[in-house]
Structures are given as structure tokens and as C-alpha cells.
């Protein structure tokens, strides 16, 4: 099943974060994302601020639907997203699922 077809499932403390091998396999499924300090990261560019905010609002809707929320930085026509699972202090499959869905929402 594709990541974009999966749903995020709640993680709880005590669940181990993904290992390096698992992370690398999943990273291949979201090739426009990279790892930064153990978090998934991607930058998006837009024509203007209005388009950037519209995208952020679509990401917010996805995040609420999946109950998994990225860190978001907005700079005029640029949006940076960072994903990691706070409850386990590392990456989970949820991060990759949401990244895949965000990729589909990018115009």
C-alpha cells in the first residue's frame, strides 16, 4: 500500500523510533524530503504570500485529519515543513505518511 493511502496511527511513549534501515526505505518513498537533525524536512516555494498561506491551510487540514502535526515556518513565498513524532522523540511511519500526503497537496 502506498504511504499516501495509509492513515496515521497514534504513537505512544515507549514505542521506539524507526531505525536507520527503516528510515532509509521510507525516505525513498518521499524523495523530495530530506533528513535534518533526525527530522523529515522539506521547503516549498510559491509565487506569493497568499499562495503560501493557502498551502499552509491545506497542510493544516491534512494534519488535523491525520492527527499528526508538522512544525511550519513561513517566509513570504517559502514554507518549510518539519516532521517528527514528538511522543517517541524520533521518526515514525506517521511522519512519512503525512509527508506523502503533503506532497500530493503541493500544486
PDB file of N, CA and C in Angstrom:
ATOM      1  N   UNK A   1       0.845  -1.183   0.000  1.00  0.00           N
ATOM      2  CA  UNK A   1       0.000   0.000   0.000  1.00  0.00           C
ATOM      3  C   UNK A   1       0.888   1.242   0.000  1.00  0.00           C
ATOM      4  N   UNK A   2       0.533   2.227  -0.810  1.00  0.00           N
ATOM      5  CA  UNK A   2       1.285   3.481  -0.854  1.00  0.00           C
ATOM      6  C   UNK A   2       1.133   4.237   0.469  1.00  0.00           C
ATOM      7  N   UNK A   3       2.160   4.995   0.810  1.00  0.00           N
ATOM      8  CA  UNK A   3       2.100   5.797   2.036  1.00  0.00           C
ATOM      9  C   UNK A   3       0.895   6.728   2.026  1.00  0.00           C
ATOM     10  N   UNK A   4       0.615   7.335   0.867  1.00  0.00           N
ATOM     11  CA  UNK A   4      -0.485   8.299   0.777  1.00  0.00           C
ATOM     12  C   UNK A   4      -1.849   7.652   0.986  1.00  0.00           C
ATOM     13  N   UNK A   5      -1.926   6.325   0.920  1.00  0.00           N
ATOM     14  CA  UNK A   5      -3.182   5.614   1.131  1.00  0.00           C
ATOM     15  C   UNK A   5      -3.351   5.151   2.576  1.00  0.00           C
ATOM     16  N   UNK A   6      -2.297   5.273   3.361  1.00  0.00           N
ATOM     17  CA  UNK A   6      -2.341   4.850   4.762  1.00  0.00           C
ATOM     18  C   UNK A   6      -2.858   5.984   5.636  1.00  0.00           C
ATOM     19  N   UNK A   7      -3.199   5.643   6.859  1.00  0.00           N
ATOM     20  CA  UNK A   7      -3.621   6.623   7.863  1.00  0.00           C
ATOM     21  C   UNK A   7      -2.611   6.630   9.003  1.00  0.00           C
ATOM     22  N   UNK A   8      -2.408   7.785   9.582  1.00  0.00           N
ATOM     23  CA  UNK A   8      -1.546   7.881  10.760  1.00  0.00           C
ATOM     24  C   UNK A   8      -2.249   7.200  11.934  1.00  0.00           C
ATOM     25  N   UNK A   9      -1.455   6.478  12.720  1.00  0.00           N
ATOM     26  CA  UNK A   9      -1.992   5.861  13.924  1.00  0.00           C
ATOM     27  C   UNK A   9      -1.254   6.454  15.126  1.00  0.00           C
ATOM     28  N   UNK A  10      -1.961   6.700  16.200  1.00  0.00           N
ATOM     29  CA  UNK A  10      -1.317   7.347  17.355  1.00  0.00           C
ATOM     30  C   UNK A  10      -0.125   6.546  17.886  1.00  0.00           C
ATOM     31  N   UNK A  11       0.949   7.262  18.153  1.00  0.00           N
ATOM     32  CA  UNK A  11       2.133   6.665  18.787  1.00  0.00           C
ATOM     33  C   UNK A  11       2.125   7.057  20.250  1.00  0.00           C
ATOM     34  N   UNK A  12       2.650   6.185  21.061  1.00  0.00           N
ATOM     35  CA  UNK A  12       2.745   6.488  22.476  1.00  0.00           C
ATOM     36  C   UNK A  12       4.188   6.385  22.920  1.00  0.00           C
ATOM     37  N   UNK A  13       4.502   7.090  23.987  1.00  0.00           N
ATOM     38  CA  UNK A  13       5.832   6.984  24.559  1.00  0.00           C
ATOM     39  C   UNK A  13       6.150   5.521  24.830  1.00  0.00           C
ATOM     40  N   UNK A  14       7.390   5.140  24.653  1.00  0.00           N
ATOM     41  CA  UNK A  14       7.779   3.756  24.836  1.00  0.00           C
ATOM     42  C   UNK A  14       7.888   3.020  23.513  1.00  0.00           C
ATOM     43  N   UNK A  15       7.221   3.538  22.475  1.00  0.00           N
ATOM     44  CA  UNK A  15       7.359   2.981  21.131  1.00  0.00           C
ATOM     45  C   UNK A  15       8.698   3.467  20.583  1.00  0.00           C
ATOM     46  N   UNK A  16       9.540   2.575  20.088  1.00  0.00           N
ATOM     47  CA  UNK A  16      10.846   3.045  19.588  1.00  0.00           C
ATOM     48  C   UNK A  16      10.707   3.777  18.251  1.00  0.00           C
ATOM     49  N   UNK A  17      11.534   4.796  18.040  1.00  0.00           N
ATOM     50  CA  UNK A  17      11.551   5.449  16.728  1.00  0.00           C
ATOM     51  C   UNK A  17      12.087   4.478  15.673  1.00  0.00           C
ATOM     52  N   UNK A  18      11.841   4.798  14.413  1.00  0.00           N
ATOM     53  CA  UNK A  18      12.342   3.974  13.319  1.00  0.00           C
ATOM     54  C   UNK A  18      13.862   3.900  13.347  1.00  0.00           C
ATOM     55  N   UNK A  19      14.386   2.767  12.969  1.00  0.00           N
ATOM     56  CA  UNK A  19      15.820   2.609  12.836  1.00  0.00           C
ATOM     57  C   UNK A  19      16.302   3.189  11.511  1.00  0.00           C
ATOM     58  N   UNK A  20      17.592   3.212  11.333  1.00  0.00           N
ATOM     59  CA  UNK A  20      18.187   3.794  10.134  1.00  0.00           C
ATOM     60  C   UNK A  20      17.742   3.079   8.859  1.00  0.00           C
ATOM     61  N   UNK A  21      17.707   1.759   8.876  1.00  0.00           N
ATOM     62  CA  UNK A  21      17.316   0.993   7.679  1.00  0.00           C
ATOM     63  C   UNK A  21      15.866   1.278   7.300  1.00  0.00           C
ATOM     64  N   UNK A  22      14.966   1.253   8.292  1.00  0.00           N
ATOM     65  CA  UNK A  22      13.552   1.541   8.032  1.00  0.00           C
ATOM     66  C   UNK A  22      13.373   2.967   7.526  1.00  0.00           C
ATOM     67  N   UNK A  23      14.087   3.898   8.128  1.00  0.00           N
ATOM     68  CA  UNK A  23      14.007   5.298   7.719  1.00  0.00           C
ATOM     69  C   UNK A  23      14.440   5.453   6.271  1.00  0.00           C
ATOM     70  N   UNK A  24      15.525   4.819   5.882  1.00  0.00           N
ATOM     71  CA  UNK A  24      16.026   4.942   4.510  1.00  0.00           C
ATOM     72  C   UNK A  24      15.058   4.359   3.491  1.00  0.00           C
ATOM     73  N   UNK A  25      14.415   3.249   3.827  1.00  0.00           N
ATOM     74  CA  UNK A  25      13.418   2.657   2.918  1.00  0.00           C
ATOM     75  C   UNK A  25      12.262   3.635   2.717  1.00  0.00           C
ATOM     76  N   UNK A  26      11.746   4.189   3.811  1.00  0.00           N
ATOM     77  CA  UNK A  26      10.617   5.115   3.720  1.00  0.00           C
ATOM     78  C   UNK A  26      11.018   6.430   3.059  1.00  0.00           C
ATOM     79  N   UNK A  27      12.240   6.862   3.285  1.00  0.00           N
ATOM     80  CA  UNK A  27      12.721   8.106   2.675  1.00  0.00           C
ATOM     81  C   UNK A  27      12.718   7.997   1.152  1.00  0.00           C
ATOM     82  N   UNK A  28      12.953   6.804   0.638  1.00  0.00           N
ATOM     83  CA  UNK A  28      12.897   6.592  -0.816  1.00  0.00           C
ATOM     84  C   UNK A  28      11.493   6.808  -1.371  1.00  0.00           C
ATOM     85  N   UNK A  29      10.479   6.694  -0.524  1.00  0.00           N
ATOM     86  CA  UNK A  29       9.099   6.882  -0.965  1.00  0.00           C
ATOM     87  C   UNK A  29       8.677   8.353  -0.956  1.00  0.00           C
ATOM     88  N   UNK A  30       9.469   9.202  -0.324  1.00  0.00           N
ATOM     89  CA  UNK A  30       9.218  10.655  -0.333  1.00  0.00           C
ATOM     90  C   UNK A  30      10.531  11.348  -0.708  1.00  0.00           C
ATOM     91  N   UNK A  31      10.974  11.179  -1.962  1.00  0.00           N
ATOM     92  CA  UNK A  31      12.320  11.589  -2.358  1.00  0.00           C
ATOM     93  C   UNK A  31      12.597  13.091  -2.307  1.00  0.00           C
ATOM     94  N   UNK A  32      11.568  13.909  -2.217  1.00  0.00           N
ATOM     95  CA  UNK A  32      11.796  15.360  -2.151  1.00  0.00           C
ATOM     96  C   UNK A  32      12.026  15.848  -0.721  1.00  0.00           C
ATOM     97  N   UNK A  33      11.896  14.943   0.224  1.00  0.00           N
ATOM     98  CA  UNK A  33      12.144  15.251   1.630  1.00  0.00           C
ATOM     99  C   UNK A  33      13.562  14.824   1.989  1.00  0.00           C
ATOM    100  N   UNK A  34      14.131  15.479   2.987  1.00  0.00           N
ATOM    101  CA  UNK A  34      15.466  15.104   3.444  1.00  0.00           C
ATOM    102  C   UNK A  34      15.455  15.002   4.966  1.00  0.00           C
ATOM    103  N   UNK A  35      16.524  14.446   5.490  1.00  0.00           N
ATOM    104  CA  UNK A  35      16.680  14.356   6.940  1.00  0.00           C
ATOM    105  C   UNK A  35      17.527  15.516   7.426  1.00  0.00           C
ATOM    106  N   UNK A  36      17.067  16.166   8.460  1.00  0.00           N
ATOM    107  CA  UNK A  36      17.819  17.233   9.127  1.00  0.00           C
ATOM    108  C   UNK A  36      17.701  17.003  10.622  1.00  0.00           C
ATOM    109  N   UNK A  37      18.838  16.738  11.226  1.00  0.00           N
ATOM    110  CA  UNK A  37      18.879  16.512  12.675  1.00  0.00           C
ATOM    111  C   UNK A  37      17.844  15.470  13.110  1.00  0.00           C
ATOM    112  N   UNK A  38      17.687  14.420  12.318  1.00  0.00           N
ATOM    113  CA  UNK A  38      16.786  13.337  12.667  1.00  0.00           C
ATOM    114  C   UNK A  38      15.319  13.595  12.382  1.00  0.00           C
ATOM    115  N   UNK A  39      15.023  14.711  11.716  1.00  0.00           N
ATOM    116  CA  UNK A  39      13.641  15.045  11.375  1.00  0.00           C
ATOM    117  C   UNK A  39      13.493  15.068   9.858  1.00  0.00           C
ATOM    118  N   UNK A  40      12.279  14.805   9.371  1.00  0.00           N
ATOM    119  CA  UNK A  40      11.994  14.970   7.942  1.00  0.00           C
ATOM    120  C   UNK A  40      11.814  16.451   7.670  1.00  0.00           C
ATOM    121  N   UNK A  41      12.350  16.926   6.562  1.00  0.00           N
ATOM    122  CA  UNK A  41      12.302  18.354   6.263  1.00  0.00           C
ATOM    123  C   UNK A  41      12.108  18.564   4.767  1.00  0.00           C
ATOM    124  N   UNK A  42      11.294  19.572   4.422  1.00  0.00           N
ATOM    125  CA  UNK A  42      11.155  19.966   3.022  1.00  0.00           C
ATOM    126  C   UNK A  42      10.770  21.437   2.957  1.00  0.00           C
ATOM    127  N   UNK A  43      11.280  22.104   1.937  1.00  0.00           N
ATOM    128  CA  UNK A  43      10.963  23.505   1.676  1.00  0.00           C
ATOM    129  C   UNK A  43      10.102  23.587   0.416  1.00  0.00           C
ATOM    130  N   UNK A  44       9.099  24.445   0.448  1.00  0.00           N
ATOM    131  CA  UNK A  44       8.190  24.657  -0.672  1.00  0.00           C
ATOM    132  C   UNK A  44       8.210  26.128  -1.059  1.00  0.00           C
ATOM    133  N   UNK A  45       8.170  26.424  -2.352  1.00  0.00           N
ATOM    134  CA  UNK A  45       8.170  27.813  -2.837  1.00  0.00           C
ATOM    135  C   UNK A  45       6.883  28.103  -3.601  1.00  0.00           C
ATOM    136  N   UNK A  46       6.455  29.366  -3.500  1.00  0.00           N
ATOM    137  CA  UNK A  46       5.213  29.808  -4.126  1.00  0.00           C
ATOM    138  C   UNK A  46       5.423  31.157  -4.807  1.00  0.00           C
ATOM    139  N   UNK A  47       4.448  31.562  -5.614  1.00  0.00           N
ATOM    140  CA  UNK A  47       4.542  32.849  -6.314  1.00  0.00           C
ATOM    141  C   UNK A  47       4.459  34.018  -5.346  1.00  0.00           C
ATOM    142  N   UNK A  48       3.665  33.839  -4.279  1.00  0.00           N
ATOM    143  CA  UNK A  48       3.451  34.954  -3.359  1.00  0.00           C
ATOM    144  C   UNK A  48       2.979  34.433  -1.997  1.00  0.00           C
ATOM    145  N   UNK A  49       2.757  35.353  -1.096  1.00  0.00           N
ATOM    146  CA  UNK A  49       2.355  35.028   0.267  1.00  0.00           C
ATOM    147  C   UNK A  49       0.990  34.350   0.314  1.00  0.00           C
ATOM    148  N   UNK A  50       0.053  34.834  -0.490  1.00  0.00           N
ATOM    149  CA  UNK A  50      -1.299  34.263  -0.495  1.00  0.00           C
ATOM    150  C   UNK A  50      -1.263  32.781  -0.866  1.00  0.00           C
ATOM    151  N   UNK A  51      -0.480  32.427  -1.885  1.00  0.00           N
ATOM    152  CA  UNK A  51      -0.359  31.015  -2.272  1.00  0.00           C
ATOM    153  C   UNK A  51       0.305  30.195  -1.169  1.00  0.00           C
ATOM    154  N   UNK A  52       1.297  30.777  -0.511  1.00  0.00           N
ATOM    155  CA  UNK A  52       1.974  30.074   0.588  1.00  0.00           C
ATOM    156  C   UNK A  52       0.993  29.790   1.723  1.00  0.00           C
ATOM    157  N   UNK A  53       0.189  30.771   2.066  1.00  0.00           N
ATOM    158  CA  UNK A  53      -0.778  30.598   3.161  1.00  0.00           C
ATOM    159  C   UNK A  53      -1.863  29.593   2.773  1.00  0.00           C
ATOM    160  N   UNK A  54      -2.304  29.619   1.518  1.00  0.00           N
ATOM    161  CA  UNK A  54      -3.301  28.640   1.060  1.00  0.00           C
ATOM    162  C   UNK A  54      -2.750  27.223   1.216  1.00  0.00           C
ATOM    163  N   UNK A  55      -1.476  27.042   0.873  1.00  0.00           N
ATOM    164  CA  UNK A  55      -0.842  25.734   1.035  1.00  0.00           C
ATOM    165  C   UNK A  55      -0.770  25.349   2.515  1.00  0.00           C
ATOM    166  N   UNK A  56      -0.370  26.273   3.360  1.00  0.00           N
ATOM    167  CA  UNK A  56      -0.294  26.004   4.799  1.00  0.00           C
ATOM    168  C   UNK A  56      -1.669  25.591   5.321  1.00  0.00           C
ATOM    169  N   UNK A  57      -2.708  26.253   4.855  1.00  0.00           N
ATOM    170  CA  UNK A  57      -4.061  25.880   5.288  1.00  0.00           C
ATOM    171  C   UNK A  57      -4.425  24.464   4.828  1.00  0.00           C
ATOM    172  N   UNK A  58      -3.992  24.078   3.634  1.00  0.00           N
ATOM    173  CA  UNK A  58      -4.269  22.714   3.181  1.00  0.00           C
ATOM    174  C   UNK A  58      -3.469  21.705   4.004  1.00  0.00           C
ATOM    175  N   UNK A  59      -2.248  22.055   4.377  1.00  0.00           N
ATOM    176  CA  UNK A  59      -1.438  21.197   5.247  1.00  0.00           C
ATOM    177  C   UNK A  59      -2.102  21.085   6.625  1.00  0.00           C
ATOM    178  N   UNK A  60      -2.626  22.186   7.127  1.00  0.00           N
ATOM    179  CA  UNK A  60      -3.299  22.168   8.428  1.00  0.00           C
ATOM    180  C   UNK A  60      -4.501  21.223   8.402  1.00  0.00           C
ATOM    181  N   UNK A  61      -5.256  21.246   7.318  1.00  0.00           N
ATOM    182  CA  UNK A  61      -6.411  20.358   7.183  1.00  0.00           C
ATOM    183  C   UNK A  61      -5.957  18.888   7.174  1.00  0.00           C
ATOM    184  N   UNK A  62      -4.916  18.578   6.404  1.00  0.00           N
ATOM    185  CA  UNK A  62      -4.374  17.213   6.384  1.00  0.00           C
ATOM    186  C   UNK A  62      -3.895  16.800   7.772  1.00  0.00           C
ATOM    187  N   UNK A  63      -3.180  17.696   8.418  1.00  0.00           N
ATOM    188  CA  UNK A  63      -2.621  17.397   9.743  1.00  0.00           C
ATOM    189  C   UNK A  63      -3.733  17.088  10.748  1.00  0.00           C
ATOM    190  N   UNK A  64      -4.796  17.855  10.693  1.00  0.00           N
ATOM    191  CA  UNK A  64      -5.923  17.600  11.594  1.00  0.00           C
ATOM    192  C   UNK A  64      -6.587  16.265  11.279  1.00  0.00           C
ATOM    193  N   UNK A  65      -6.766  15.965   9.987  1.00  0.00           N
ATOM    194  CA  UNK A  65      -7.376  14.697   9.586  1.00  0.00           C
ATOM    195  C   UNK A  65      -6.544  13.505  10.060  1.00  0.00           C
ATOM    196  N   UNK A  66      -5.223  13.663  10.048  1.00  0.00           N
ATOM    197  CA  UNK A  66      -4.320  12.574  10.433  1.00  0.00           C
ATOM    198  C   UNK A  66      -3.918  12.632  11.901  1.00  0.00           C
ATOM    199  N   UNK A  67      -4.298  13.701  12.600  1.00  0.00           N
ATOM    200  CA  UNK A  67      -3.907  13.908  14.000  1.00  0.00           C
ATOM    201  C   UNK A  67      -2.390  13.806  14.163  1.00  0.00           C
ATOM    202  N   UNK A  68      -1.697  14.408  13.192  1.00  0.00           N
ATOM    203  CA  UNK A  68      -0.226  14.422  13.195  1.00  0.00           C
ATOM    204  C   UNK A  68       0.189  15.768  12.609  1.00  0.00           C
ATOM    205  N   UNK A  69       0.933  16.550  13.356  1.00  0.00           N
ATOM    206  CA  UNK A  69       1.125  17.961  13.022  1.00  0.00           C
ATOM    207  C   UNK A  69       2.592  18.321  12.804  1.00  0.00           C
ATOM    208  N   UNK A  70       2.877  18.956  11.652  1.00  0.00           N
ATOM    209  CA  UNK A  70       4.254  19.371  11.364  1.00  0.00           C
ATOM    210  C   UNK A  70       4.583  20.697  12.040  1.00  0.00           C
ATOM    211  N   UNK A  71       5.867  20.961  12.171  1.00  0.00           N
ATOM    212  CA  UNK A  71       6.318  22.304  12.515  1.00  0.00           C
ATOM    213  C   UNK A  71       6.373  23.064  11.199  1.00  0.00           C
ATOM    214  N   UNK A  72       5.848  24.283  11.203  1.00  0.00           N
ATOM    215  CA  UNK A  72       5.718  25.074   9.975  1.00  0.00           C
ATOM    216  C   UNK A  72       6.402  26.418  10.150  1.00  0.00           C
ATOM    217  N   UNK A  73       7.230  26.785   9.165  1.00  0.00           N
ATOM    218  CA  UNK A  73       7.857  28.101   9.123  1.00  0.00           C
ATOM    219  C   UNK A  73       7.458  28.758   7.803  1.00  0.00           C
ATOM    220  N   UNK A  74       6.945  29.981   7.884  1.00  0.00           N
ATOM    221  CA  UNK A  74       6.511  30.709   6.684  1.00  0.00           C
ATOM    222  C   UNK A  74       7.368  31.961   6.534  1.00  0.00           C
ATOM    223  N   UNK A  75       7.919  32.137   5.327  1.00  0.00           N
ATOM    224  CA  UNK A  75       8.676  33.345   4.980  1.00  0.00           C
ATOM    225  C   UNK A  75       8.189  33.825   3.620  1.00  0.00           C
ATOM    226  N   UNK A  76       7.292  34.780   3.582  1.00  0.00           N
ATOM    227  CA  UNK A  76       6.685  35.348   2.379  1.00  0.00           C
ATOM    228  C   UNK A  76       6.221  34.268   1.402  1.00  0.00           C
ATOM    229  N   UNK A  77       7.085  33.822   0.473  1.00  0.00           N
ATOM    230  CA  UNK A  77       6.663  32.838  -0.528  1.00  0.00           C
ATOM    231  C   UNK A  77       7.324  31.473  -0.317  1.00  0.00           C
ATOM    232  N   UNK A  78       7.815  31.231   0.868  1.00  0.00           N
ATOM    233  CA  UNK A  78       8.509  29.985   1.171  1.00  0.00           C
ATOM    234  C   UNK A  78       7.926  29.378   2.445  1.00  0.00           C
ATOM    235  N   UNK A  79       7.666  28.078   2.384  1.00  0.00           N
ATOM    236  CA  UNK A  79       7.151  27.351   3.544  1.00  0.00           C
ATOM    237  C   UNK A  79       8.084  26.179   3.813  1.00  0.00           C
ATOM    238  N   UNK A  80       8.597  26.092   5.022  1.00  0.00           N
ATOM    239  CA  UNK A  80       9.418  24.963   5.440  1.00  0.00           C
ATOM    240  C   UNK A  80       8.580  24.104   6.382  1.00  0.00           C
ATOM    241  N   UNK A  81       8.598  22.793   6.134  1.00  0.00           N
ATOM    242  CA  UNK A  81       7.884  21.862   6.993  1.00  0.00           C
ATOM    243  C   UNK A  81       8.864  20.880   7.604  1.00  0.00           C
ATOM    244  N   UNK A  82       8.645  20.583   8.861  1.00  0.00           N
ATOM    245  CA  UNK A  82       9.491  19.642   9.590  1.00  0.00           C
ATOM    246  C   UNK A  82       8.576  18.641  10.291  1.00  0.00           C
ATOM    247  N   UNK A  83       8.858  17.378  10.094  1.00  0.00           N
ATOM    248  CA  UNK A  83       8.049  16.312  10.680  1.00  0.00           C
ATOM    249  C   UNK A  83       8.896  15.402  11.562  1.00  0.00           C
ATOM    250  N   UNK A  84       8.372  15.088  12.698  1.00  0.00           N
ATOM    251  CA  UNK A  84       8.922  14.070  13.581  1.00  0.00           C
ATOM    252  C   UNK A  84       7.872  13.788  14.630  1.00  0.00           C
ATOM    253  N   UNK A  85       7.962  12.649  15.254  1.00  0.00           N
ATOM    254  CA  UNK A  85       6.945  12.227  16.205  1.00  0.00           C
ATOM    255  C   UNK A  85       7.427  12.568  17.609  1.00  0.00           C
ATOM    256  N   UNK A  86       6.839  13.626  18.149  1.00  0.00           N
ATOM    257  CA  UNK A  86       7.265  14.135  19.452  1.00  0.00           C
ATOM    258  C   UNK A  86       7.164  13.086  20.555  1.00  0.00           C
ATOM    259  N   UNK A  87       6.088  12.283  20.519  1.00  0.00           N
ATOM    260  CA  UNK A  87       5.849  11.310  21.596  1.00  0.00           C
ATOM    261  C   UNK A  87       6.966  10.281  21.722  1.00  0.00           C
ATOM    262  N   UNK A  88       7.635   9.977  20.599  1.00  0.00           N
ATOM    263  CA  UNK A  88       8.711   8.978  20.659  1.00  0.00           C
ATOM    264  C   UNK A  88      10.090   9.601  20.424  1.00  0.00           C
ATOM    265  N   UNK A  89      10.096  10.927  20.296  1.00  0.00           N
ATOM    266  CA  UNK A  89      11.351  11.678  20.127  1.00  0.00           C
ATOM    267  C   UNK A  89      12.168  11.166  18.931  1.00  0.00           C
ATOM    268  N   UNK A  90      11.468  10.923  17.833  1.00  0.00           N
ATOM    269  CA  UNK A  90      12.127  10.436  16.624  1.00  0.00           C
ATOM    270  C   UNK A  90      11.124  10.264  15.503  1.00  0.00           C
ATOM    271  N   UNK A  91      11.527   9.572  14.470  1.00  0.00           N
ATOM    272  CA  UNK A  91      10.669   9.361  13.306  1.00  0.00           C
ATOM    273  C   UNK A  91       9.819   8.107  13.453  1.00  0.00           C
ATOM    274  N   UNK A  92       8.587   8.207  12.974  1.00  0.00           N
ATOM    275  CA  UNK A  92       7.680   7.063  12.890  1.00  0.00           C
ATOM    276  C   UNK A  92       7.134   7.013  11.466  1.00  0.00           C
ATOM    277  N   UNK A  93       6.460   5.932  11.140  1.00  0.00           N
ATOM    278  CA  UNK A  93       5.857   5.842   9.814  1.00  0.00           C
ATOM    279  C   UNK A  93       4.879   6.994   9.581  1.00  0.00           C
ATOM    280  N   UNK A  94       4.248   7.493  10.647  1.00  0.00           N
ATOM    281  CA  UNK A  94       3.312   8.612  10.519  1.00  0.00           C
ATOM    282  C   UNK A  94       3.951   9.814   9.837  1.00  0.00           C
ATOM    283  N   UNK A  95       5.202  10.087  10.135  1.00  0.00           N
ATOM    284  CA  UNK A  95       5.883  11.227   9.534  1.00  0.00           C
ATOM    285  C   UNK A  95       5.954  11.075   8.017  1.00  0.00           C
ATOM    286  N   UNK A  96       6.212   9.874   7.572  1.00  0.00           N
ATOM    287  CA  UNK A  96       6.330   9.608   6.137  1.00  0.00           C
ATOM    288  C   UNK A  96       4.960   9.583   5.458  1.00  0.00           C
ATOM    289  N   UNK A  97       3.954   9.100   6.170  1.00  0.00           N
ATOM    290  CA  UNK A  97       2.590   9.122   5.641  1.00  0.00           C
ATOM    291  C   UNK A  97       2.157  10.562   5.404  1.00  0.00           C
ATOM    292  N   UNK A  98       2.341  11.407   6.407  1.00  0.00           N
ATOM    293  CA  UNK A  98       1.935  12.805   6.257  1.00  0.00           C
ATOM    294  C   UNK A  98       2.760  13.506   5.193  1.00  0.00           C
ATOM    295  N   UNK A  99       4.053  13.231   5.118  1.00  0.00           N
ATOM    296  CA  UNK A  99       4.900  13.829   4.080  1.00  0.00           C
ATOM    297  C   UNK A  99       4.368  13.475   2.692  1.00  0.00           C
ATOM    298  N   UNK A 100       3.981  12.226   2.503  1.00  0.00           N
ATOM    299  CA  UNK A 100       3.453  11.778   1.221  1.00  0.00           C
ATOM    300  C   UNK A 100       2.156  12.509   0.872  1.00  0.00           C
ATOM    301  N   UNK A 101       1.297  12.678   1.848  1.00  0.00           N
ATOM    302  CA  UNK A 101       0.028  13.375   1.620  1.00  0.00           C
ATOM    303  C   UNK A 101       0.267  14.863   1.345  1.00  0.00           C
ATOM    304  N   UNK A 102       1.236  15.442   2.028  1.00  0.00           N
ATOM    305  CA  UNK A 102       1.582  16.843   1.782  1.00  0.00           C
ATOM    306  C   UNK A 102       2.106  17.016   0.367  1.00  0.00           C
ATOM    307  N   UNK A 103       2.940  16.090  -0.091  1.00  0.00           N
ATOM    308  CA  UNK A 103       3.439  16.149  -1.463  1.00  0.00           C
ATOM    309  C   UNK A 103       2.297  16.182  -2.473  1.00  0.00           C
ATOM    310  N   UNK A 104       1.267  15.418  -2.205  1.00  0.00           N
ATOM    311  CA  UNK A 104       0.110  15.378  -3.126  1.00  0.00           C
ATOM    312  C   UNK A 104      -0.664  16.692  -3.105  1.00  0.00           C
ATOM    313  N   UNK A 105      -0.590  17.438  -2.011  1.00  0.00           N
ATOM    314  CA  UNK A 105      -1.320  18.707  -1.893  1.00  0.00           C
ATOM    315  C   UNK A 105      -0.566  19.888  -2.489  1.00  0.00           C
ATOM    316  N   UNK A 106       0.715  19.687  -2.767  1.00  0.00           N
ATOM    317  CA  UNK A 106       1.544  20.775  -3.312  1.00  0.00           C
ATOM    318  C   UNK A 106       1.167  20.986  -4.780  1.00  0.00           C
ATOM    319  N   UNK A 107       0.783  22.223  -5.123  1.00  0.00           N
ATOM    320  CA  UNK A 107       0.334  22.476  -6.515  1.00  0.00           C
ATOM    321  C   UNK A 107       1.424  22.328  -7.552  1.00  0.00           C
TER     322      UNK A 107
END
